[in-house]
């Protein structure tokens, strides 16, 4: 059986059939799985690859190595937090056979959603992990990938090994002209034998799935969102094959919702970082509107972003223009975020559709049984 067919077969048997990915509910994308007696329920997005490319490009261009460090830190913190929230096995509570089996399944998942081909090696004694990819998200185009490649993978490996000092670096990248992307995660001394240029981040936190998270992100009936992601795939609006989702040849990737907060948090530490992040998101919003080709943002925004997991969206098009998003994904960080990326994207879409400079600079949160986010100009 060809490699591609094996990936598709694995995806159907291990993800689609057990209904681990719930994509048939308007406003929601959810990963759910059971390990023993424990049920894990995670609220997710499908996020645009092009958005992350623009963010990395603009941050690196504006801040150089300081920007690369911020992106890496966000990625590693995300990978570590995601692994803990997903209750990944670790060296402290699992034997090597369990870890090897888990790694195989997880790499197959990455191979079916984030890349076209993946191969990995693990050495528990040396605390080393390496992985090679073909067509991995983001870095395949811009040659960076500090968020989801170097940082994200390092964060997951540091959790599995229960060692926050383990770092990651991408030694090869298709976006830099290599024939594949190749990442190693290891102790600093081992990495220093291969390159002098890499980044460090040890301020990592963990989260555990709990009743509060489940209750706040529970799937609910939507009022304004009529189409689920599955509905739009079936209608041909989105193209979904072998785990890879795209819209008019622009790829989207499945990701836990904490990534946007952590990215915002790290970039906000840079001088003027919040504005650079907003501007990159604004630029993406404009590009998305042009890709869509129509100006009916009142319809496009609820249809498109509700299907991607952002919640039940209403665009109130009046003198007091506002976008109300009920059931926006909640996290324990919700009170700390400024929703810079979301506000920037929406600003870009509406500005490009109307020919006016529309900036959603203000936001309001209503957190009761769920999170309602309202953004206004």
Protein backbone atom coordinates (compact mmCIF):
# COMPACT_ATOMS: atom_id res chain seq x y z
CA UNK A 1 0.00 0.00 0.00
CA UNK A 2 1.45 3.44 -0.92
CA UNK A 3 2.48 5.73 1.96
CA UNK A 4 -0.33 8.21 1.26
CA UNK A 5 -2.96 5.45 1.33
CA UNK A 6 -1.56 4.11 4.61
CA UNK A 7 -1.89 7.54 6.19
CA UNK A 8 -5.48 7.92 5.02
CA UNK A 9 -6.33 4.41 6.22
CA UNK A 10 -4.79 5.12 9.63
CA UNK A 11 -6.66 8.45 9.84
CA UNK A 12 -10.03 6.81 9.14
CA UNK A 13 -9.49 3.95 11.61
CA UNK A 14 -8.00 5.95 14.47
CA UNK A 15 -9.55 9.40 14.21
CA UNK A 16 -12.70 9.54 12.11
CA UNK A 17 -14.37 6.23 13.06
CA UNK A 18 -13.89 6.63 16.86
CA UNK A 19 -15.27 10.20 16.44
CA UNK A 20 -12.28 11.77 18.15
CA UNK A 21 -12.71 14.86 15.99
CA UNK A 22 -16.18 16.40 16.27
CA UNK A 23 -16.67 18.68 13.26
CA UNK A 24 -20.41 18.29 12.67
CA UNK A 25 -21.62 20.88 15.21
CA UNK A 26 -21.94 24.54 14.07
CA UNK A 27 -19.60 26.80 16.06
CA UNK A 28 -17.55 23.95 17.51
CA UNK A 29 -14.52 21.82 16.70
CA UNK A 30 -13.82 19.38 19.51
CA UNK A 31 -11.33 16.60 20.14
CA UNK A 32 -12.63 13.93 22.49
CA UNK A 33 -11.04 10.66 23.48
CA UNK A 34 -11.03 8.18 26.35
CA UNK A 35 -7.92 6.82 28.03
CA UNK A 36 -8.88 4.12 30.51
CA UNK A 37 -11.57 5.65 32.69
CA UNK A 38 -10.60 9.22 31.85
CA UNK A 39 -12.47 11.23 29.20
CA UNK A 40 -10.63 14.17 27.59
CA UNK A 41 -12.60 16.90 25.83
CA UNK A 42 -10.65 19.68 24.12
CA UNK A 43 -12.00 22.74 22.34
CA UNK A 44 -10.08 23.39 19.12
CA UNK A 45 -9.76 25.69 16.11
CA UNK A 46 -8.79 25.13 12.54
CA UNK A 47 -6.31 27.96 12.01
CA UNK A 48 -4.94 29.40 8.76
CA UNK A 49 -1.37 28.51 7.90
CA UNK A 50 -1.04 31.83 6.05
CA UNK A 51 -1.84 33.78 9.24
CA UNK A 52 1.03 32.15 11.12
CA UNK A 53 3.37 32.75 8.19
CA UNK A 54 2.54 36.47 8.26
CA UNK A 55 2.95 36.69 12.02
CA UNK A 56 6.34 34.98 11.95
CA UNK A 57 7.51 37.01 8.95
CA UNK A 58 6.53 40.34 10.51
CA UNK A 59 7.90 39.53 13.97
CA UNK A 60 11.25 38.29 12.63
CA UNK A 61 11.53 41.25 10.27
CA UNK A 62 10.77 43.72 13.07
CA UNK A 63 12.76 42.19 15.94
CA UNK A 64 15.32 39.74 14.56
CA UNK A 65 16.57 37.20 17.10
CA UNK A 66 14.51 38.82 19.86
CA UNK A 67 11.41 38.12 17.80
CA UNK A 68 12.52 34.58 17.04
CA UNK A 69 12.92 33.99 20.76
CA UNK A 70 9.38 35.25 21.44
CA UNK A 71 7.94 32.96 18.78
CA UNK A 72 9.92 29.98 20.05
CA UNK A 73 8.86 30.67 23.64
CA UNK A 74 5.21 30.84 22.62
CA UNK A 75 5.54 27.57 20.70
CA UNK A 76 7.33 25.67 23.45
CA UNK A 77 4.92 26.90 26.12
CA UNK A 78 2.04 25.85 23.90
CA UNK A 79 3.45 22.39 23.17
CA UNK A 80 4.09 21.73 26.85
CA UNK A 81 0.67 22.98 27.94
CA UNK A 82 -1.10 21.08 25.16
CA UNK A 83 0.63 17.84 26.12
CA UNK A 84 -0.38 18.24 29.76
CA UNK A 85 -3.99 19.18 28.94
CA UNK A 86 -4.23 16.20 26.60
CA UNK A 87 -2.84 13.95 29.35
CA UNK A 88 0.01 12.65 27.21
CA UNK A 89 1.99 9.81 28.81
CA UNK A 90 5.33 10.81 30.31
CA UNK A 91 8.50 9.13 31.50
CA UNK A 92 7.23 9.44 35.10
CA UNK A 93 4.05 7.45 34.65
CA UNK A 94 4.62 5.19 31.63
CA UNK A 95 7.04 2.49 30.55
CA UNK A 96 9.11 2.76 27.40
CA UNK A 97 6.84 0.49 25.38
CA UNK A 98 3.86 2.72 26.12
CA UNK A 99 5.85 5.80 25.13
CA UNK A 100 7.06 4.22 21.90
CA UNK A 101 3.51 3.20 20.97
CA UNK A 102 2.15 6.62 21.82
CA UNK A 103 4.86 8.32 19.77
CA UNK A 104 4.01 6.16 16.76
CA UNK A 105 0.32 7.09 16.95
CA UNK A 106 1.02 10.77 17.56
CA UNK A 107 3.44 10.99 14.64
CA UNK A 108 0.84 9.30 12.41
CA UNK A 109 -1.58 12.00 13.52
CA UNK A 110 0.92 14.73 12.59
CA UNK A 111 1.56 12.96 9.31
CA UNK A 112 -2.13 13.02 8.54
CA UNK A 113 -2.81 16.63 9.52
CA UNK A 114 0.37 18.73 9.63
CA UNK A 115 2.59 17.11 7.02
CA UNK A 116 2.63 14.64 4.15
CA UNK A 117 5.31 12.36 5.53
CA UNK A 118 7.01 12.00 8.92
CA UNK A 119 9.70 9.76 10.40
CA UNK A 120 11.02 9.88 13.96
CA UNK A 121 13.62 8.43 16.33
CA UNK A 122 13.69 8.39 20.14
CA UNK A 123 16.48 7.78 22.65
CA UNK A 124 15.27 7.91 26.24
CA UNK A 125 18.73 7.50 27.77
CA UNK A 126 20.05 10.54 25.89
CA UNK A 127 16.69 12.35 26.13
CA UNK A 128 16.81 12.87 22.37
CA UNK A 129 13.99 12.98 19.86
CA UNK A 130 14.29 13.70 16.14
CA UNK A 131 11.70 13.97 13.41
CA UNK A 132 11.75 14.66 9.70
CA UNK A 133 8.82 16.01 7.70
CA UNK A 134 7.73 16.64 4.17
CA UNK A 135 5.55 19.72 3.62
CA UNK A 136 5.15 20.56 7.30
CA UNK A 137 2.87 23.52 8.04
CA UNK A 138 4.14 27.11 8.01
CA UNK A 139 7.91 26.60 7.81
CA UNK A 140 7.58 24.96 4.38
CA UNK A 141 6.79 28.43 3.04
CA UNK A 142 8.68 30.94 5.20
CA UNK A 143 11.66 28.93 6.47
CA UNK A 144 10.97 29.84 10.12
CA UNK A 145 8.41 27.69 11.96
CA UNK A 146 9.50 28.77 15.43
CA UNK A 147 5.97 28.42 16.82
CA UNK A 148 4.74 25.05 15.57
CA UNK A 149 8.04 23.39 14.56
CA UNK A 150 11.01 24.15 16.85
CA UNK A 151 9.00 25.41 19.81
CA UNK A 152 5.88 23.27 19.62
CA UNK A 153 7.73 19.99 19.23
CA UNK A 154 10.25 20.90 21.97
CA UNK A 155 7.38 21.67 24.34
CA UNK A 156 5.76 18.29 23.80
CA UNK A 157 9.05 16.40 24.17
CA UNK A 158 9.98 18.29 27.33
CA UNK A 159 6.64 17.24 28.82
CA UNK A 160 7.04 13.60 27.80
CA UNK A 161 10.51 13.53 29.34
CA UNK A 162 9.44 15.73 32.30
CA UNK A 163 12.48 17.93 31.72
CA UNK A 164 11.84 21.60 30.94
CA UNK A 165 15.48 22.20 29.98
CA UNK A 166 15.19 20.15 26.77
CA UNK A 167 15.16 22.40 23.71
CA UNK A 168 14.40 22.00 20.02
CA UNK A 169 15.94 23.28 16.82
CA UNK A 170 15.16 22.81 13.16
CA UNK A 171 18.39 21.87 11.39
CA UNK A 172 16.83 21.49 7.93
CA UNK A 173 13.80 23.18 6.39
CA UNK A 174 12.12 22.96 3.00
CA UNK A 175 11.38 26.66 3.33
CA UNK A 176 15.16 27.25 3.40
CA UNK A 177 15.81 25.07 0.36
CA UNK A 178 16.38 21.67 1.99
CA UNK A 179 14.64 18.54 0.73
CA UNK A 180 12.91 18.01 4.11
CA UNK A 181 12.34 19.58 7.50
CA UNK A 182 14.38 18.02 10.29
CA UNK A 183 14.02 18.82 14.00
CA UNK A 184 15.92 17.53 17.01
CA UNK A 185 14.94 17.94 20.66
CA UNK A 186 17.61 17.22 23.24
CA UNK A 187 19.64 18.62 26.17
CA UNK A 188 21.49 21.83 25.36
CA UNK A 189 24.90 20.15 25.22
CA UNK A 190 23.70 17.71 22.55
CA UNK A 191 22.20 20.51 20.47
CA UNK A 192 25.38 22.59 20.79
CA UNK A 193 27.26 19.77 19.06
CA UNK A 194 25.13 20.39 15.97
CA UNK A 195 24.53 24.15 15.98
CA UNK A 196 25.32 27.24 18.01
CA UNK A 197 22.06 28.94 17.07
CA UNK A 198 19.02 27.86 19.04
CA UNK A 199 16.67 29.30 21.63
CA UNK A 200 15.81 28.46 25.23
CA UNK A 201 12.63 28.54 27.29
CA UNK A 202 12.09 26.85 30.65
CA UNK A 203 9.19 28.86 32.10
CA UNK A 204 6.60 26.22 31.21
CA UNK A 205 3.22 25.58 32.81
CA UNK A 206 0.82 22.66 32.79
CA UNK A 207 -2.96 22.42 32.73
CA UNK A 208 -5.25 19.52 33.45
CA UNK A 209 -8.66 18.91 31.95
CA UNK A 210 -11.33 19.63 34.58
CA UNK A 211 -15.06 20.13 35.07
CA UNK A 212 -14.83 23.92 34.67
CA UNK A 213 -13.13 23.67 31.29
CA UNK A 214 -15.65 21.08 30.11
CA UNK A 215 -18.67 23.09 31.30
CA UNK A 216 -17.51 26.38 29.75
CA UNK A 217 -16.78 24.76 26.38
CA UNK A 218 -19.72 22.37 26.21
CA UNK A 219 -21.24 21.96 22.74
CA UNK A 220 -24.44 24.02 22.59
CA UNK A 221 -27.13 24.79 20.04
CA UNK A 222 -26.22 27.84 17.99
CA UNK A 223 -28.59 30.62 16.99
CA UNK A 224 -26.75 32.31 14.14
CA UNK A 225 -24.26 29.71 12.92
CA UNK A 226 -26.14 27.30 10.66
CA UNK A 227 -23.29 25.32 9.10
CA UNK A 228 -20.78 23.02 10.74
CA UNK A 229 -17.34 22.39 9.28
CA UNK A 230 -18.62 19.06 7.99
CA UNK A 231 -21.53 20.82 6.25
CA UNK A 232 -19.16 23.16 4.43
CA UNK A 233 -16.84 20.29 3.52
CA UNK A 234 -19.77 18.32 2.12
CA UNK A 235 -20.86 21.41 0.17
CA UNK A 236 -17.38 21.79 -1.35
CA UNK A 237 -16.70 25.14 0.35
CA UNK A 238 -13.78 23.61 2.24
CA UNK A 239 -11.68 20.77 0.86
CA UNK A 240 -10.81 18.04 3.35
CA UNK A 241 -8.68 15.06 2.41
CA UNK A 242 -6.67 12.70 4.58
CA UNK A 243 -6.91 15.05 7.54
CA UNK A 244 -5.75 18.17 5.65
CA UNK A 245 -8.24 21.04 5.40
CA UNK A 246 -7.94 23.78 2.79
CA UNK A 247 -9.92 26.70 1.41
CA UNK A 248 -9.14 27.71 -2.17
CA UNK A 249 -5.69 26.08 -1.90
CA UNK A 250 -4.95 27.80 1.41
CA UNK A 251 -4.27 25.31 4.17
CA UNK A 252 -5.75 25.28 7.68
CA UNK A 253 -4.44 23.23 10.57
CA UNK A 254 -6.13 21.76 13.61
CA UNK A 255 -4.90 23.27 16.88
CA UNK A 256 -5.79 23.68 20.54
CA UNK A 257 -7.21 27.14 21.29
CA UNK A 258 -4.55 28.05 23.90
CA UNK A 259 -2.07 28.77 21.12
CA UNK A 260 -3.55 32.20 20.33
CA UNK A 261 -3.30 33.38 23.93
CA UNK A 262 0.29 32.18 24.37
CA UNK A 263 1.33 33.77 21.09
CA UNK A 264 -0.26 37.06 22.11
CA UNK A 265 1.32 36.87 25.56
CA UNK A 266 4.88 36.42 24.29
CA UNK A 267 4.69 38.94 21.45
CA UNK A 268 3.18 41.56 23.79
CA UNK A 269 6.48 41.48 25.73
CA UNK A 270 8.23 42.99 22.71
CA UNK A 271 8.22 46.81 22.41
CA UNK A 272 5.31 47.61 20.11
CA UNK A 273 4.63 43.89 19.75
CA UNK A 274 0.86 44.12 20.18
CA UNK A 275 0.58 46.50 17.21
CA UNK A 276 2.81 44.34 15.01
CA UNK A 277 0.65 41.32 15.86
CA UNK A 278 -2.56 43.22 15.16
CA UNK A 279 -1.19 44.48 11.85
CA UNK A 280 -0.16 40.98 10.74
CA UNK A 281 -3.62 39.66 11.62
CA UNK A 282 -5.21 42.63 9.83
CA UNK A 283 -3.13 41.85 6.74
CA UNK A 284 -4.32 38.25 6.83
CA UNK A 285 -7.95 39.37 7.13
CA UNK A 286 -7.58 41.45 3.99
CA UNK A 287 -5.99 38.57 2.09
CA UNK A 288 -8.77 36.23 3.20
CA UNK A 289 -11.45 38.63 1.99
CA UNK A 290 -9.72 38.89 -1.39
CA UNK A 291 -9.49 35.09 -1.57
CA UNK A 292 -13.22 34.86 -0.83
CA UNK A 293 -13.92 37.44 -3.54
CA UNK A 294 -17.22 38.82 -2.25
CA UNK A 295 -18.04 41.76 0.02
CA UNK A 296 -20.86 40.24 2.10
CA UNK A 297 -18.79 40.04 5.28
CA UNK A 298 -22.00 39.93 7.37
CA UNK A 299 -22.60 36.44 5.98
CA UNK A 300 -19.03 35.31 5.34
CA UNK A 301 -17.68 35.87 8.87
CA UNK A 302 -20.38 33.81 10.69
CA UNK A 303 -20.29 31.02 8.10
CA UNK A 304 -16.52 30.78 7.86
CA UNK A 305 -15.30 31.28 11.42
CA UNK A 306 -18.15 29.49 13.15
CA UNK A 307 -17.35 26.41 11.07
CA UNK A 308 -13.69 26.66 12.12
CA UNK A 309 -14.63 26.44 15.81
CA UNK A 310 -14.82 30.07 16.96
CA UNK A 311 -18.38 29.84 18.27
CA UNK A 312 -21.78 31.29 17.32
CA UNK A 313 -21.10 34.58 15.52
CA UNK A 314 -23.41 37.52 14.81
CA UNK A 315 -22.30 40.58 12.82
CA UNK A 316 -24.38 43.62 13.80
CA UNK A 317 -24.03 45.94 10.83
CA UNK A 318 -25.24 49.33 12.02
CA UNK A 319 -23.80 52.67 13.09
CA UNK A 320 -22.47 50.78 16.10
CA UNK A 321 -20.72 48.03 14.11
CA UNK A 322 -19.91 45.07 16.31
CA UNK A 323 -19.26 41.35 16.11
CA UNK A 324 -20.74 39.22 18.86
CA UNK A 325 -19.30 35.74 19.35
CA UNK A 326 -21.15 33.46 21.74
CA UNK A 327 -19.47 30.26 22.92
CA UNK A 328 -16.02 31.64 22.05
CA UNK A 329 -13.51 29.03 23.35
CA UNK A 330 -12.85 29.62 27.05
CA UNK A 331 -9.59 29.01 28.91
CA UNK A 332 -8.31 29.99 32.34
CA UNK A 333 -6.41 32.74 30.49
CA UNK A 334 -9.52 34.33 28.95
CA UNK A 335 -9.48 37.25 31.40
CA UNK A 336 -5.86 37.98 30.51
CA UNK A 337 -6.13 38.10 26.72
CA UNK A 338 -6.91 41.08 24.51
CA UNK A 339 -8.00 38.96 21.53
CA UNK A 340 -5.52 40.81 19.34
CA UNK A 341 -5.38 38.19 16.58
CA UNK A 342 -9.16 37.75 16.35
CA UNK A 343 -9.79 41.53 16.36
CA UNK A 344 -7.08 42.05 13.75
CA UNK A 345 -8.47 39.42 11.37
CA UNK A 346 -12.01 40.78 11.63
CA UNK A 347 -10.76 44.34 11.11
CA UNK A 348 -8.95 43.31 7.94
CA UNK A 349 -11.95 41.48 6.50
CA UNK A 350 -14.41 44.31 7.11
CA UNK A 351 -11.96 47.01 5.98
CA UNK A 352 -11.24 45.25 2.70
CA UNK A 353 -14.94 44.53 2.07
CA UNK A 354 -16.07 48.11 2.72
CA UNK A 355 -13.09 50.06 1.45
CA UNK A 356 -12.94 51.81 4.82
CA UNK A 357 -10.38 51.69 7.62
CA UNK A 358 -12.28 49.66 10.21
CA UNK A 359 -10.45 48.71 13.39
CA UNK A 360 -12.06 46.65 16.13
CA UNK A 361 -10.00 48.21 18.89
CA UNK A 362 -12.40 47.46 21.73
CA UNK A 363 -13.71 44.25 23.25
CA UNK A 364 -15.94 43.08 26.05
CA UNK A 365 -16.16 39.67 27.69
CA UNK A 366 -19.24 38.23 29.31
CA UNK A 367 -18.32 35.07 31.19
CA UNK A 368 -21.20 33.23 32.81
CA UNK A 369 -22.06 29.68 31.72
CA UNK A 370 -19.96 30.31 28.62
CA UNK A 371 -17.85 33.07 27.09
CA UNK A 372 -19.43 35.74 24.90
CA UNK A 373 -16.94 38.06 23.20
CA UNK A 374 -18.10 41.34 21.67
CA UNK A 375 -15.68 43.41 19.60
CA UNK A 376 -16.44 47.00 18.55
CA UNK A 377 -14.74 49.79 16.61
